[in-house]
Every structure is written in C-alpha cells, then in structure tokens.
C-alpha atoms as a PDB file:
ATOM      1  CA  MET A   1      -0.195   0.178   0.004  1.00  0.00           C
ATOM      2  CA  THR A   2       2.876   2.341   0.807  1.00  0.00           C
ATOM      3  CA  LEU A   3       4.204   1.988  -2.889  1.00  0.00           C
ATOM      4  CA  ARG A   4       0.596   2.823  -4.167  1.00  0.00           C
ATOM      5  CA  LEU A   5       0.702   5.930  -1.857  1.00  0.00           C
ATOM      6  CA  THR A   6       3.873   6.916  -3.057  1.00  0.00           C
ATOM      7  CA  ALA A   7       2.462   6.555  -6.589  1.00  0.00           C
ATOM      8  CA  VAL A   8      -0.294   9.146  -5.721  1.00  0.00           C
ATOM      9  CA  ALA A   9       2.116  11.555  -4.492  1.00  0.00           C
ATOM     10  CA  LEU A  10       3.801  11.450  -7.412  1.00  0.00           C
ATOM     11  CA  MET A  11       1.039  12.048  -9.506  1.00  0.00           C
ATOM     12  CA  ALA A  12      -0.058  14.891  -7.213  1.00  0.00           C
ATOM     13  CA  ILE A  13       3.331  16.371  -7.823  1.00  0.00           C
ATOM     14  CA  LEU A  14       2.842  15.957 -11.594  1.00  0.00           C
ATOM     15  CA  ALA A  15      -0.696  17.198 -11.609  1.00  0.00           C
ATOM     16  CA  GLY A  16       0.139  20.328  -9.379  1.00  0.00           C
ATOM     17  CA  LEU A  17       3.559  21.636 -10.965  1.00  0.00           C
ATOM     18  CA  PRO A  18       1.879  22.811 -14.005  1.00  0.00           C
ATOM     19  CA  LEU A  19      -0.528  24.866 -11.842  1.00  0.00           C
ATOM     20  CA  SER A  20       2.557  26.734 -10.280  1.00  0.00           C
ATOM     21  CA  ILE A  21       2.962  28.379 -14.270  1.00  0.00           C
ATOM     22  CA  LEU A  22      -0.389  28.501 -15.345  1.00  0.00           C
ATOM     23  CA  PRO A  23      -3.075  28.153 -12.172  1.00  0.00           C
ATOM     24  CA  SER A  24      -6.215  28.339 -14.658  1.00  0.00           C
ATOM     25  CA  LEU A  25      -5.332  24.672 -16.015  1.00  0.00           C
ATOM     26  CA  GLY A  26      -7.153  23.474 -12.917  1.00  0.00           C
ATOM     27  CA  ALA A  27      -9.516  21.271 -14.504  1.00  0.00           C
ATOM     28  CA  LEU A  28      -6.861  19.283 -16.542  1.00  0.00           C
ATOM     29  CA  ALA A  29      -4.857  19.120 -12.994  1.00  0.00           C
ATOM     30  CA  ALA A  30      -7.849  17.411 -11.780  1.00  0.00           C
ATOM     31  CA  LEU A  31      -8.634  14.904 -14.670  1.00  0.00           C
ATOM     32  CA  ALA A  32      -4.635  13.758 -14.547  1.00  0.00           C
ATOM     33  CA  PHE A  33      -4.972  13.513 -10.869  1.00  0.00           C
ATOM     34  CA  VAL A  34      -8.076  11.245 -10.879  1.00  0.00           C
ATOM     35  CA  VAL A  35      -6.847   9.278 -13.558  1.00  0.00           C
ATOM     36  CA  GLY A  36      -3.271   8.856 -12.465  1.00  0.00           C
ATOM     37  CA  GLY A  37      -4.166   8.507  -8.719  1.00  0.00           C
ATOM     38  CA  ALA A  38      -6.708   5.629  -9.639  1.00  0.00           C
ATOM     39  CA  GLY A  39      -4.074   3.692 -11.521  1.00  0.00           C
ATOM     40  CA  ALA A  40      -1.698   4.214  -8.696  1.00  0.00           C
ATOM     41  CA  ILE A  41      -4.624   2.980  -6.039  1.00  0.00           C
ATOM     42  CA  ALA A  42      -5.397   0.071  -8.405  1.00  0.00           C
ATOM     43  CA  ALA A  43      -1.807  -0.432  -9.572  1.00  0.00           C
ATOM     44  CA  SER A  44      -2.770  -0.348 -13.029  1.00  0.00           C
ATOM     45  CA  VAL A  45       0.030   0.700 -14.897  1.00  0.00           C
ATOM     46  CA  PRO A  46      -1.791   1.748 -18.128  1.00  0.00           C
ATOM     47  CA  LEU A  47      -3.870   3.758 -16.252  1.00  0.00           C
ATOM     48  CA  ALA A  48      -1.267   5.547 -14.148  1.00  0.00           C
ATOM     49  CA  THR A  49       0.470   5.976 -17.388  1.00  0.00           C
ATOM     50  CA  ALA A  50      -2.676   7.734 -18.789  1.00  0.00           C
ATOM     51  CA  GLY A  51      -2.722  10.193 -15.858  1.00  0.00           C
ATOM     52  CA  GLY A  52       0.985  10.686 -16.128  1.00  0.00           C
ATOM     53  CA  ALA A  53       0.620  11.479 -19.953  1.00  0.00           C
ATOM     54  CA  LEU A  54      -2.084  13.920 -19.023  1.00  0.00           C
ATOM     55  CA  ALA A  55       0.105  15.650 -16.448  1.00  0.00           C
ATOM     56  CA  LEU A  56       2.420  16.203 -19.371  1.00  0.00           C
ATOM     57  CA  ILE A  57       0.009  17.625 -22.058  1.00  0.00           C
ATOM     58  CA  GLU A  58      -1.022  20.063 -18.977  1.00  0.00           C
ATOM     59  CA  TYR A  59       2.724  20.784 -18.407  1.00  0.00           C
ATOM     60  CA  ALA A  60       3.367  21.411 -22.224  1.00  0.00           C
ATOM     61  CA  LEU A  61       0.218  23.444 -22.530  1.00  0.00           C
ATOM     62  CA  ALA A  62       1.158  25.456 -19.365  1.00  0.00           C
ATOM     63  CA  LEU A  63       4.702  26.294 -20.899  1.00  0.00           C
ATOM     64  CA  ALA A  64       2.982  27.226 -24.594  1.00  0.00           C
ATOM     65  CA  VAL A  65       0.420  29.263 -23.155  1.00  0.00           C
ATOM     66  CA  ALA A  66       2.451  31.136 -20.367  1.00  0.00           C
ATOM     67  CA  ARG A  67       5.989  30.977 -22.081  1.00  0.00           C
ATOM     68  CA  PRO A  68       8.183  31.296 -18.774  1.00  0.00           C
ATOM     69  CA  GLY A  69      11.513  31.319 -18.380  1.00  0.00           C
ATOM     70  CA  PRO A  70      13.696  28.346 -18.594  1.00  0.00           C
ATOM     71  CA  ASP A  71      13.196  26.347 -15.333  1.00  0.00           C
ATOM     72  CA  LEU A  72      15.813  23.191 -15.170  1.00  0.00           C
ATOM     73  CA  VAL A  73      14.748  22.163 -11.607  1.00  0.00           C
ATOM     74  CA  THR A  74      10.746  21.996 -12.413  1.00  0.00           C
ATOM     75  CA  GLY A  75      11.427  20.167 -15.956  1.00  0.00           C
ATOM     76  CA  THR A  76      13.518  17.761 -14.394  1.00  0.00           C
ATOM     77  CA  ALA A  77      11.179  17.080 -11.566  1.00  0.00           C
ATOM     78  CA  VAL A  78       8.453  16.532 -14.142  1.00  0.00           C
ATOM     79  CA  GLY A  79      10.608  14.271 -16.128  1.00  0.00           C
ATOM     80  CA  LEU A  80      11.523  12.398 -12.941  1.00  0.00           C
ATOM     81  CA  ALA A  81       8.377  11.771 -11.426  1.00  0.00           C
ATOM     82  CA  LEU A  82       7.160  10.367 -14.814  1.00  0.00           C
ATOM     83  CA  VAL A  83       9.762   7.872 -14.902  1.00  0.00           C
ATOM     84  CA  LEU A  84       9.298   6.642 -10.976  1.00  0.00           C
ATOM     85  CA  LEU A  85       5.140   6.895 -11.612  1.00  0.00           C
ATOM     86  CA  PRO A  86       4.900   3.801 -13.788  1.00  0.00           C
ATOM     87  CA  ALA A  87       7.895   2.080 -12.085  1.00  0.00           C
ATOM     88  CA  SER A  88       6.530   2.395  -8.572  1.00  0.00           C
ATOM     89  CA  VAL A  89       2.943   1.087 -10.114  1.00  0.00           C
ATOM     90  CA  HIS A  90       4.464  -1.520 -11.791  1.00  0.00           C
ATOM     91  CA  PHE A  91       6.523  -2.636  -8.695  1.00  0.00           C
ATOM     92  CA  ALA A  92       3.593  -2.029  -6.569  1.00  0.00           C
ATOM     93  CA  SER A  93       1.414  -4.392  -8.561  1.00  0.00           C
ATOM     94  CA  ARG A  94       3.794  -6.931  -8.711  1.00  0.00           C
ATOM     95  CA  THR A  95       4.168  -7.432  -5.278  1.00  0.00           C
ATOM     96  CA  ARG A  96       0.877  -6.727  -4.263  1.00  0.00           C
ATOM     97  CA  GLY A  97       0.093  -8.253  -0.828  1.00  0.00           C
ATOM     98  CA  ALA A  98       3.533  -9.666  -0.608  1.00  0.00           C
ATOM     99  CA  ALA A  99       5.648  -9.073   2.339  1.00  0.00           C
ATOM    100  CA  LEU A 100       8.770  -6.964   1.204  1.00  0.00           C
ATOM    101  CA  LEU A 101      11.673  -7.686   3.493  1.00  0.00           C
ATOM    102  CA  PRO A 102      14.565  -4.960   3.815  1.00  0.00           C
ATOM    103  CA  PRO A 103      16.867  -6.747   1.082  1.00  0.00           C
ATOM    104  CA  VAL A 104      14.102  -6.095  -1.340  1.00  0.00           C
ATOM    105  CA  LEU A 105      13.397  -2.933  -0.727  1.00  0.00           C
ATOM    106  CA  ARG A 106      17.163  -1.820  -0.284  1.00  0.00           C
ATOM    107  CA  SER A 107      17.658  -3.348  -3.889  1.00  0.00           C
ATOM    108  CA  GLN A 108      14.654  -1.501  -5.364  1.00  0.00           C
ATOM    109  CA  THR A 109      15.375   1.808  -3.912  1.00  0.00           C
ATOM    110  CA  ARG A 110      18.944   1.382  -5.337  1.00  0.00           C
ATOM    111  CA  HIS A 111      17.468   0.867  -8.682  1.00  0.00           C
ATOM    112  CA  TRP A 112      15.301   3.919  -8.422  1.00  0.00           C
ATOM    113  CA  LEU A 113      17.751   6.021  -7.266  1.00  0.00           C
ATOM    114  CA  ALA A 114      20.184   4.970 -10.571  1.00  0.00           C
ATOM    115  CA  LEU A 115      17.177   6.011 -12.486  1.00  0.00           C
ATOM    116  CA  VAL A 116      16.891   9.365 -10.918  1.00  0.00           C
ATOM    117  CA  ALA A 117      20.872  10.027 -11.146  1.00  0.00           C
ATOM    118  CA  LEU A 118      20.501   8.988 -14.873  1.00  0.00           C
ATOM    119  CA  GLY A 119      17.470  11.371 -15.297  1.00  0.00           C
ATOM    120  CA  ALA A 120      18.964  14.212 -13.604  1.00  0.00           C
ATOM    121  CA  LEU A 121      22.171  13.625 -15.701  1.00  0.00           C
ATOM    122  CA  ALA A 122      20.067  13.115 -18.635  1.00  0.00           C
ATOM    123  CA  ALA A 123      18.284  16.735 -17.895  1.00  0.00           C
ATOM    124  CA  ALA A 124      21.589  18.417 -17.578  1.00  0.00           C
ATOM    125  CA  VAL A 125      22.786  17.259 -20.667  1.00  0.00           C
ATOM    126  CA  VAL A 126      19.840  17.716 -22.463  1.00  0.00           C
ATOM    127  CA  ALA A 127      19.869  21.263 -20.942  1.00  0.00           C
ATOM    128  CA  VAL A 128      23.493  22.225 -22.260  1.00  0.00           C
ATOM    129  CA  GLY A 129      22.875  20.479 -25.820  1.00  0.00           C
ATOM    130  CA  GLY A 130      19.468  22.354 -25.924  1.00  0.00           C
ATOM    131  CA  GLU A 131      21.381  25.874 -25.220  1.00  0.00           C
ATOM    132  CA  ALA A 132      23.900  24.413 -28.091  1.00  0.00           C
ATOM    133  CA  LEU A 133      20.909  23.336 -30.733  1.00  0.00           C
ATOM    134  CA  ALA A 134      19.153  26.571 -30.194  1.00  0.00           C
ATOM    135  CA  PHE A 135      22.187  28.582 -31.140  1.00  0.00           C
ATOM    136  CA  ALA A 136      22.945  26.491 -34.021  1.00  0.00           C
ATOM    137  CA  LEU A 137      19.025  26.414 -35.229  1.00  0.00           C
ATOM    138  CA  ARG A 138      18.564  30.210 -35.046  1.00  0.00           C
ATOM    139  CA  GLY A 139      16.370  31.033 -37.856  1.00  0.00           C
ATOM    140  CA  THR A 140      15.432  27.495 -38.905  1.00  0.00           C
ATOM    141  CA  ALA A 141      12.015  26.941 -39.543  1.00  0.00           C
ATOM    142  CA  LEU A 142       9.717  25.890 -37.025  1.00  0.00           C
ATOM    143  CA  PRO A 143       8.614  22.488 -38.569  1.00  0.00           C
ATOM    144  CA  VAL A 144      12.210  21.308 -38.582  1.00  0.00           C
ATOM    145  CA  VAL A 145      12.807  22.130 -34.738  1.00  0.00           C
ATOM    146  CA  VAL A 146       9.502  20.097 -33.931  1.00  0.00           C
ATOM    147  CA  ALA A 147      10.320  17.203 -36.244  1.00  0.00           C
ATOM    148  CA  ALA A 148      13.575  16.784 -34.449  1.00  0.00           C
ATOM    149  CA  SER A 149      12.086  17.318 -31.216  1.00  0.00           C
ATOM    150  CA  ALA A 150       9.459  14.716 -31.589  1.00  0.00           C
ATOM    151  CA  LEU A 151      12.200  12.311 -32.676  1.00  0.00           C
ATOM    152  CA  GLY A 152      13.982  12.939 -29.614  1.00  0.00           C
ATOM    153  CA  ALA A 153      11.148  12.783 -27.510  1.00  0.00           C
ATOM    154  CA  LEU A 154      10.221   9.085 -29.374  1.00  0.00           C
ATOM    155  CA  THR A 155      13.893   7.993 -28.705  1.00  0.00           C
ATOM    156  CA  ALA A 156      13.302   9.081 -24.936  1.00  0.00           C
ATOM    157  CA  ALA A 157       9.987   7.529 -24.575  1.00  0.00           C
ATOM    158  CA  ALA A 158      11.215   3.775 -26.192  1.00  0.00           C
ATOM    159  CA  GLY A 159      14.496   3.949 -23.820  1.00  0.00           C
ATOM    160  CA  LEU A 160      12.186   4.690 -20.766  1.00  0.00           C
ATOM    161  CA  ILE A 161      10.270   1.976 -21.649  1.00  0.00           C
ATOM    162  CA  ALA A 162      12.718  -0.606 -22.211  1.00  0.00           C
ATOM    163  CA  LEU A 163      14.721   0.520 -18.951  1.00  0.00           C
ATOM    164  CA  VAL A 164      11.247   0.445 -16.659  1.00  0.00           C
ATOM    165  CA  THR A 165       9.975  -2.952 -18.207  1.00  0.00           C
ATOM    166  CA  SER A 166      13.465  -5.047 -18.158  1.00  0.00           C
ATOM    167  CA  PRO A 167      14.454  -7.326 -15.561  1.00  0.00           C
ATOM    168  CA  HIS A 168      16.935  -6.026 -13.118  1.00  0.00           C
ATOM    169  CA  HIS A 169      19.145  -8.536 -10.696  1.00  0.00           C
ATOM    170  CA  ASP A 170      21.810  -7.744  -8.213  1.00  0.00           C
END
C-alpha cells in the first residue's frame, strides 16, 4: 500500500507543478490526478501512465501559453516523476499483498535512485545540448525543430519503456 500511496503523491506532484506556471489549468490537473491516482491505487500501470500523460500535456500547455523562462528544476522534477510513476506502480502491482523484506526494498531503492541519477544527468546534458542546438538552429524553420524534437521524445520514450520494464538483478 505504501508504494501505491507514493505513486499517488508522485501523481499529485505531476498534476500540481503546471499549476504553478498557469493556475487556470485546474480542470486538466484534476482530471490528470483522478486518472493517475486511480491507476496508482489500483496498481494499474496503463491507467497511471494515462494520468502521467495527461499531466505532461498539462505541463506542455502551461509552458506554451505562459511562456515562462527556462526552469531546469521544474522540468527535471516533472521528468523524474514521470519515470518513477510507472516504475512504482509496476513494482506495486508485482508485489501486491507480499511481505517485502528489507533487502528487496534496498535493492528496489537502489534501482530507483539509479534511474533518478540517470534522469538528472540526462536533464543536464539535454539542457546544455538544447542551448547549443538553439544557437545552431537560430533562424531554422519551426517544422524542422518540431520534427527533431518529436524524434528525440520518441527515442527517449522508447528508452524509458525499455529501462522500466527490463528485469533487473543484483
């Protein structure tokens, strides 16, 4: 039950962070939280992922409308929560009703900390690379930039899915 409550907390963070940018997105935040929270409580990875996707849409919409300055901390927090949400729900669904001994919890915690560290490092690399790319693509047509971004997002999503669903052994 603790893992499911942790996933609910992650979903609350995901749905709430965009409201700090654009408070008028409350209805979309509520929908994202209800869908993702239901997935977390039911230990349903597809439902939790749908809630995370709605929260990501909410965050992208908030950024598109409000056009705030770059905020690496908030963006990294959203990304890390999006990684940990399906991972925690998946683990909760696999261990439902089981007594988890401390070695199992330590192993899982190490795995998640590795994911968080990798995500933070990736965010830093992407931020530096984004600045370089912005300088290099100054004046380039928007469709080229959008296509390159979509390709990068697709690659990142495929890597995330492979990483989260792959079995890990100590």
